[in-house]
Amino acid sequence: MKKMKLKDAGERACQEQTLVDALTWIAVWESERAIAQAKDFYLTGVRTGSDDAGWDTCFRVCFSAVMEAWSTRVQI
């Protein structure tokens, strides 16, 4: 998946048929981001995660963003 900001990813996730599918889409998106961050740490040793970690995840923030966007989306 191409790099995109959380707002754009949340909007993309809400194109899925159900909320479960939307949450699954955002979970895959966030996992790919976190894996890339962990790989960069492994290769460079540069810590970019929160609390000076080698990697981090933001699942709660992602799920909250999707649920908020889902509740306001216009169903076609």
N, C-alpha and C. Protein backbone atom coordinates (compact mmCIF):
# COMPACT_ATOMS: atom_id res chain seq x y z
N MET A 1 0.84 -1.18 0.00
CA MET A 1 0.00 0.00 0.00
C MET A 1 0.88 1.24 0.00
N LYS A 2 0.43 2.24 -0.70
CA LYS A 2 1.23 3.47 -0.76
C LYS A 2 1.13 4.22 0.57
N LYS A 3 2.12 5.06 0.82
CA LYS A 3 2.11 5.85 2.05
C LYS A 3 0.98 6.85 1.99
N MET A 4 0.23 6.94 3.07
CA MET A 4 -0.83 7.94 3.17
C MET A 4 -0.99 8.32 4.62
N LYS A 5 -1.59 9.45 4.85
CA LYS A 5 -1.84 9.93 6.20
C LYS A 5 -3.03 9.17 6.79
N LEU A 6 -3.14 9.16 8.12
CA LEU A 6 -4.19 8.43 8.80
C LEU A 6 -5.57 8.84 8.33
N LYS A 7 -5.80 10.14 8.14
CA LYS A 7 -7.12 10.60 7.70
C LYS A 7 -7.48 9.96 6.36
N ASP A 8 -6.53 9.94 5.44
CA ASP A 8 -6.78 9.34 4.12
C ASP A 8 -6.97 7.83 4.23
N ALA A 9 -6.19 7.19 5.08
CA ALA A 9 -6.32 5.74 5.27
C ALA A 9 -7.67 5.41 5.90
N GLY A 10 -8.11 6.23 6.85
CA GLY A 10 -9.42 6.02 7.47
C GLY A 10 -10.54 6.15 6.47
N GLU A 11 -10.44 7.15 5.60
CA GLU A 11 -11.45 7.33 4.56
C GLU A 11 -11.44 6.15 3.59
N ARG A 12 -10.24 5.68 3.24
CA ARG A 12 -10.14 4.52 2.35
C ARG A 12 -10.75 3.28 3.00
N ALA A 13 -10.46 3.09 4.28
CA ALA A 13 -10.99 1.93 5.00
C ALA A 13 -12.52 1.93 4.98
N CYS A 14 -13.11 3.10 5.08
CA CYS A 14 -14.57 3.21 5.12
C CYS A 14 -15.23 2.94 3.77
N GLN A 15 -14.45 2.68 2.76
CA GLN A 15 -15.01 2.26 1.48
C GLN A 15 -15.35 0.77 1.49
N GLU A 16 -14.91 0.08 2.53
CA GLU A 16 -15.22 -1.34 2.65
C GLU A 16 -16.71 -1.54 2.95
N GLN A 17 -17.19 -2.75 2.76
CA GLN A 17 -18.62 -3.06 2.91
C GLN A 17 -19.14 -2.99 4.34
N THR A 18 -18.32 -3.39 5.30
CA THR A 18 -18.76 -3.43 6.70
C THR A 18 -17.72 -2.77 7.60
N LEU A 19 -18.14 -2.47 8.81
CA LEU A 19 -17.21 -1.89 9.79
C LEU A 19 -16.09 -2.87 10.10
N VAL A 20 -16.42 -4.15 10.21
CA VAL A 20 -15.37 -5.15 10.46
C VAL A 20 -14.34 -5.15 9.33
N ASP A 21 -14.81 -5.07 8.10
CA ASP A 21 -13.88 -5.02 6.97
C ASP A 21 -13.06 -3.74 6.99
N ALA A 22 -13.67 -2.64 7.37
CA ALA A 22 -12.95 -1.36 7.46
C ALA A 22 -11.86 -1.44 8.53
N LEU A 23 -12.19 -2.01 9.67
CA LEU A 23 -11.20 -2.15 10.75
C LEU A 23 -10.09 -3.11 10.34
N THR A 24 -10.44 -4.14 9.62
CA THR A 24 -9.43 -5.08 9.12
C THR A 24 -8.49 -4.37 8.15
N TRP A 25 -9.05 -3.57 7.26
CA TRP A 25 -8.23 -2.84 6.28
C TRP A 25 -7.24 -1.92 7.00
N ILE A 26 -7.72 -1.17 8.00
CA ILE A 26 -6.83 -0.24 8.70
C ILE A 26 -5.79 -0.99 9.53
N ALA A 27 -6.14 -2.17 10.04
CA ALA A 27 -5.17 -2.97 10.80
C ALA A 27 -4.04 -3.44 9.90
N VAL A 28 -4.37 -3.85 8.68
CA VAL A 28 -3.33 -4.26 7.73
C VAL A 28 -2.46 -3.05 7.37
N TRP A 29 -3.11 -1.91 7.13
CA TRP A 29 -2.37 -0.68 6.80
C TRP A 29 -1.39 -0.32 7.91
N GLU A 30 -1.86 -0.35 9.15
CA GLU A 30 -0.99 0.01 10.29
C GLU A 30 0.09 -1.03 10.50
N SER A 31 -0.23 -2.30 10.29
CA SER A 31 0.79 -3.36 10.43
C SER A 31 1.91 -3.17 9.43
N GLU A 32 1.55 -2.84 8.19
CA GLU A 32 2.57 -2.61 7.17
C GLU A 32 3.46 -1.42 7.53
N ARG A 33 2.87 -0.38 8.11
CA ARG A 33 3.66 0.78 8.53
C ARG A 33 4.62 0.39 9.65
N ALA A 34 4.11 -0.35 10.64
CA ALA A 34 4.94 -0.75 11.78
C ALA A 34 6.05 -1.71 11.36
N ILE A 35 5.74 -2.62 10.45
CA ILE A 35 6.76 -3.57 9.97
C ILE A 35 7.87 -2.81 9.24
N ALA A 36 7.50 -1.85 8.41
CA ALA A 36 8.52 -1.05 7.71
C ALA A 36 9.38 -0.29 8.71
N GLN A 37 8.75 0.24 9.76
CA GLN A 37 9.50 0.97 10.79
C GLN A 37 10.46 0.03 11.51
N ALA A 38 10.01 -1.17 11.84
CA ALA A 38 10.86 -2.15 12.53
C ALA A 38 12.02 -2.58 11.62
N LYS A 39 11.73 -2.75 10.33
CA LYS A 39 12.78 -3.13 9.39
C LYS A 39 13.84 -2.04 9.29
N ASP A 40 13.39 -0.78 9.23
CA ASP A 40 14.35 0.33 9.20
C ASP A 40 15.22 0.33 10.45
N PHE A 41 14.62 0.08 11.60
CA PHE A 41 15.40 0.02 12.85
C PHE A 41 16.42 -1.11 12.79
N TYR A 42 15.99 -2.27 12.31
CA TYR A 42 16.89 -3.42 12.22
C TYR A 42 18.08 -3.10 11.31
N LEU A 43 17.81 -2.41 10.21
CA LEU A 43 18.87 -2.12 9.25
C LEU A 43 19.76 -0.95 9.66
N THR A 44 19.20 0.04 10.34
CA THR A 44 19.96 1.25 10.65
C THR A 44 20.29 1.43 12.12
N GLY A 45 19.50 0.84 13.00
CA GLY A 45 19.68 1.05 14.42
C GLY A 45 19.09 2.35 14.92
N VAL A 46 18.47 3.12 14.02
CA VAL A 46 17.86 4.40 14.39
C VAL A 46 16.47 4.14 14.96
N ARG A 47 16.27 4.62 16.16
CA ARG A 47 14.98 4.42 16.84
C ARG A 47 14.04 5.57 16.51
N THR A 48 12.91 5.24 15.91
CA THR A 48 11.94 6.27 15.56
C THR A 48 10.59 6.04 16.23
N GLY A 49 10.47 4.97 17.00
CA GLY A 49 9.21 4.67 17.67
C GLY A 49 9.01 5.53 18.90
N SER A 50 7.80 5.46 19.43
CA SER A 50 7.52 6.20 20.66
C SER A 50 8.37 5.64 21.80
N ASP A 51 8.64 6.44 22.77
CA ASP A 51 9.47 6.04 23.92
C ASP A 51 10.82 5.50 23.49
N ASP A 52 11.35 6.03 22.37
CA ASP A 52 12.66 5.65 21.85
C ASP A 52 12.73 4.16 21.49
N ALA A 53 11.59 3.60 21.08
CA ALA A 53 11.55 2.19 20.70
C ALA A 53 12.01 2.03 19.25
N GLY A 54 12.32 0.81 18.89
CA GLY A 54 12.70 0.52 17.51
C GLY A 54 11.50 0.54 16.57
N TRP A 55 10.31 0.37 17.14
CA TRP A 55 9.08 0.43 16.36
C TRP A 55 7.91 0.60 17.33
N ASP A 56 6.77 1.01 16.80
CA ASP A 56 5.58 1.15 17.62
C ASP A 56 4.35 0.91 16.76
N THR A 57 3.22 0.81 17.40
CA THR A 57 1.96 0.67 16.68
C THR A 57 0.96 1.68 17.23
N CYS A 58 0.00 2.00 16.41
CA CYS A 58 -1.03 2.98 16.77
C CYS A 58 -2.42 2.40 16.48
N PHE A 59 -2.64 1.14 16.81
CA PHE A 59 -3.91 0.50 16.48
C PHE A 59 -5.10 1.22 17.11
N ARG A 60 -4.99 1.61 18.35
CA ARG A 60 -6.12 2.29 19.02
C ARG A 60 -6.49 3.58 18.28
N VAL A 61 -5.49 4.36 17.92
CA VAL A 61 -5.73 5.61 17.20
C VAL A 61 -6.35 5.30 15.83
N CYS A 62 -5.83 4.30 15.15
CA CYS A 62 -6.35 3.92 13.83
C CYS A 62 -7.80 3.45 13.93
N PHE A 63 -8.08 2.58 14.89
CA PHE A 63 -9.44 2.06 15.04
C PHE A 63 -10.41 3.18 15.40
N SER A 64 -9.98 4.08 16.28
CA SER A 64 -10.83 5.22 16.65
C SER A 64 -11.14 6.09 15.44
N ALA A 65 -10.12 6.34 14.61
CA ALA A 65 -10.31 7.17 13.42
C ALA A 65 -11.30 6.52 12.45
N VAL A 66 -11.18 5.22 12.26
CA VAL A 66 -12.09 4.52 11.36
C VAL A 66 -13.51 4.52 11.92
N MET A 67 -13.65 4.26 13.20
CA MET A 67 -14.99 4.23 13.79
C MET A 67 -15.66 5.59 13.72
N GLU A 68 -14.90 6.65 13.92
CA GLU A 68 -15.46 8.00 13.81
C GLU A 68 -15.86 8.29 12.37
N ALA A 69 -14.98 7.97 11.43
CA ALA A 69 -15.29 8.19 10.01
C ALA A 69 -16.47 7.33 9.57
N TRP A 70 -16.54 6.11 10.08
CA TRP A 70 -17.62 5.20 9.72
C TRP A 70 -18.97 5.77 10.16
N SER A 71 -19.01 6.37 11.34
CA SER A 71 -20.28 6.87 11.88
C SER A 71 -20.79 8.10 11.12
N THR A 72 -19.91 8.75 10.37
CA THR A 72 -20.33 9.95 9.65
C THR A 72 -20.37 9.76 8.14
N ARG A 73 -20.03 8.56 7.67
CA ARG A 73 -19.98 8.35 6.22
C ARG A 73 -21.38 8.32 5.62
N VAL A 74 -21.46 8.67 4.37
CA VAL A 74 -22.71 8.63 3.63
C VAL A 74 -22.75 7.27 2.93
N GLN A 75 -23.76 6.50 3.20
CA GLN A 75 -23.90 5.21 2.57
C GLN A 75 -24.56 5.34 1.22
N ILE A 76 -23.98 4.68 0.25
CA ILE A 76 -24.50 4.76 -1.12
C ILE A 76 -25.32 3.53 -1.43
